[in-house]
Amino acid sequence: DLAAGTFALTPGDTIFVYSGGATGPQNPSDEMFGDDRLVNAVRDVGERSTEEVLDALRTRTAQHMNGKEPIDDMTVVIFRYEPAANAAAQSA
């Protein structure tokens, strides 16, 4: 269930949004990748770039599937909050 709400972000906070296809990939034994593996894959990469998080997730998913073809599309969106002032200071 979805609920409406608000929350404050601090610089560096990351929002990770995914579809059911991100938890659905199955291995040859028909075991789903699941929420726990997905969360652990994202947590394990720590504070790396959003591109590195996606790459790690792709790698973990492929390892889990071990050659089995996916049966659903996988949609993942990662946002990292970097205020304009903070981004300008980092590029200097």
Protein backbone atom coordinates (compact mmCIF):
# COMPACT_ATOMS: atom_id res chain seq x y z
CA ASP A 1 0.00 0.00 0.00
CA LEU A 2 1.18 3.49 -0.79
CA ALA A 3 0.83 6.34 1.66
CA ALA A 4 1.28 10.05 1.03
CA GLY A 5 3.70 11.89 3.24
CA THR A 6 6.63 14.25 3.39
CA PHE A 7 10.12 13.95 4.76
CA ALA A 8 13.25 16.07 4.79
CA LEU A 9 16.30 15.04 2.81
CA THR A 10 19.85 15.87 3.80
CA PRO A 11 22.70 16.10 1.29
CA GLY A 12 23.78 12.65 0.20
CA ASP A 13 20.48 10.92 1.01
CA THR A 14 19.53 8.30 -1.55
CA ILE A 15 16.05 7.25 -2.64
CA PHE A 16 15.76 3.83 -4.24
CA VAL A 17 12.53 2.97 -6.12
CA TYR A 18 11.95 -0.34 -7.88
CA SER A 19 9.31 -2.43 -9.58
CA GLY A 20 8.33 -5.98 -8.73
CA GLY A 21 10.54 -7.12 -11.59
CA ALA A 22 13.58 -6.15 -9.52
CA THR A 23 12.75 -8.73 -6.84
CA GLY A 24 11.27 -11.34 -9.18
CA PRO A 25 14.28 -12.76 -11.05
CA GLN A 26 14.57 -16.47 -10.35
CA ASN A 27 17.55 -18.77 -10.22
CA PRO A 28 17.53 -22.20 -11.90
CA SER A 29 15.83 -23.60 -8.75
CA ASP A 30 13.00 -21.05 -9.21
CA GLU A 31 14.01 -19.15 -6.05
CA MET A 32 13.20 -15.44 -6.41
CA PHE A 33 15.85 -12.76 -5.91
CA GLY A 34 13.53 -11.20 -3.33
CA ASP A 35 13.47 -8.09 -1.18
CA ASP A 36 16.26 -9.17 1.18
CA ARG A 37 18.79 -9.79 -1.60
CA LEU A 38 17.81 -6.54 -3.28
CA VAL A 39 18.22 -4.50 -0.10
CA ASN A 40 21.51 -6.21 0.75
CA ALA A 41 22.87 -5.62 -2.75
CA VAL A 42 22.15 -1.89 -2.44
CA ARG A 43 23.48 -1.64 1.14
CA ASP A 44 26.66 -3.54 0.33
CA VAL A 45 27.83 -0.89 -2.13
CA GLY A 46 27.58 1.83 0.51
CA GLU A 47 27.97 5.43 -0.55
CA ARG A 48 29.17 4.77 -4.09
CA SER A 49 27.75 6.57 -7.11
CA THR A 50 24.26 5.75 -8.33
CA GLU A 51 25.82 4.18 -11.44
CA GLU A 52 27.92 1.85 -9.28
CA VAL A 53 24.83 0.89 -7.27
CA LEU A 54 23.01 -0.05 -10.50
CA ASP A 55 26.03 -1.98 -11.79
CA ALA A 56 26.29 -3.92 -8.51
CA LEU A 57 22.58 -4.71 -8.64
CA ARG A 58 22.84 -5.93 -12.23
CA THR A 59 25.80 -8.14 -11.27
CA ARG A 60 24.07 -9.61 -8.21
CA THR A 61 20.89 -10.28 -10.19
CA ALA A 62 22.80 -11.98 -13.02
CA GLN A 63 24.73 -14.11 -10.52
CA HIS A 64 21.49 -15.13 -8.85
CA MET A 65 19.80 -16.01 -12.14
CA ASN A 66 22.86 -18.03 -13.20
CA GLY A 67 21.89 -18.00 -16.87
CA LYS A 68 18.13 -18.21 -16.43
CA GLU A 69 16.20 -15.73 -18.55
CA PRO A 70 14.16 -13.05 -16.73
CA ILE A 71 10.37 -13.34 -16.98
CA ASP A 72 9.66 -9.66 -16.23
CA ASP A 73 11.23 -6.30 -16.86
CA MET A 74 13.30 -4.75 -14.08
CA THR A 75 12.77 -1.07 -13.32
CA VAL A 76 15.06 0.64 -10.81
CA VAL A 77 15.39 4.37 -10.17
CA ILE A 78 17.98 5.83 -7.82
CA PHE A 79 18.02 9.47 -6.74
CA ARG A 80 20.77 11.01 -4.69
CA TYR A 81 19.94 14.37 -3.14
CA GLU A 82 22.70 16.88 -3.81
CA PRO A 83 21.59 20.50 -3.35
CA ALA A 84 22.89 22.90 -5.97
CA ALA A 85 25.14 24.73 -3.47
CA ASN A 86 26.61 21.43 -2.27
CA ALA A 87 27.15 20.20 -5.85
CA ALA A 88 28.91 23.44 -6.80
CA ALA A 89 31.23 23.17 -3.79
CA GLN A 90 32.11 19.55 -4.70
CA SER A 91 32.98 20.39 -8.29
CA ALA A 92 35.32 23.20 -7.25
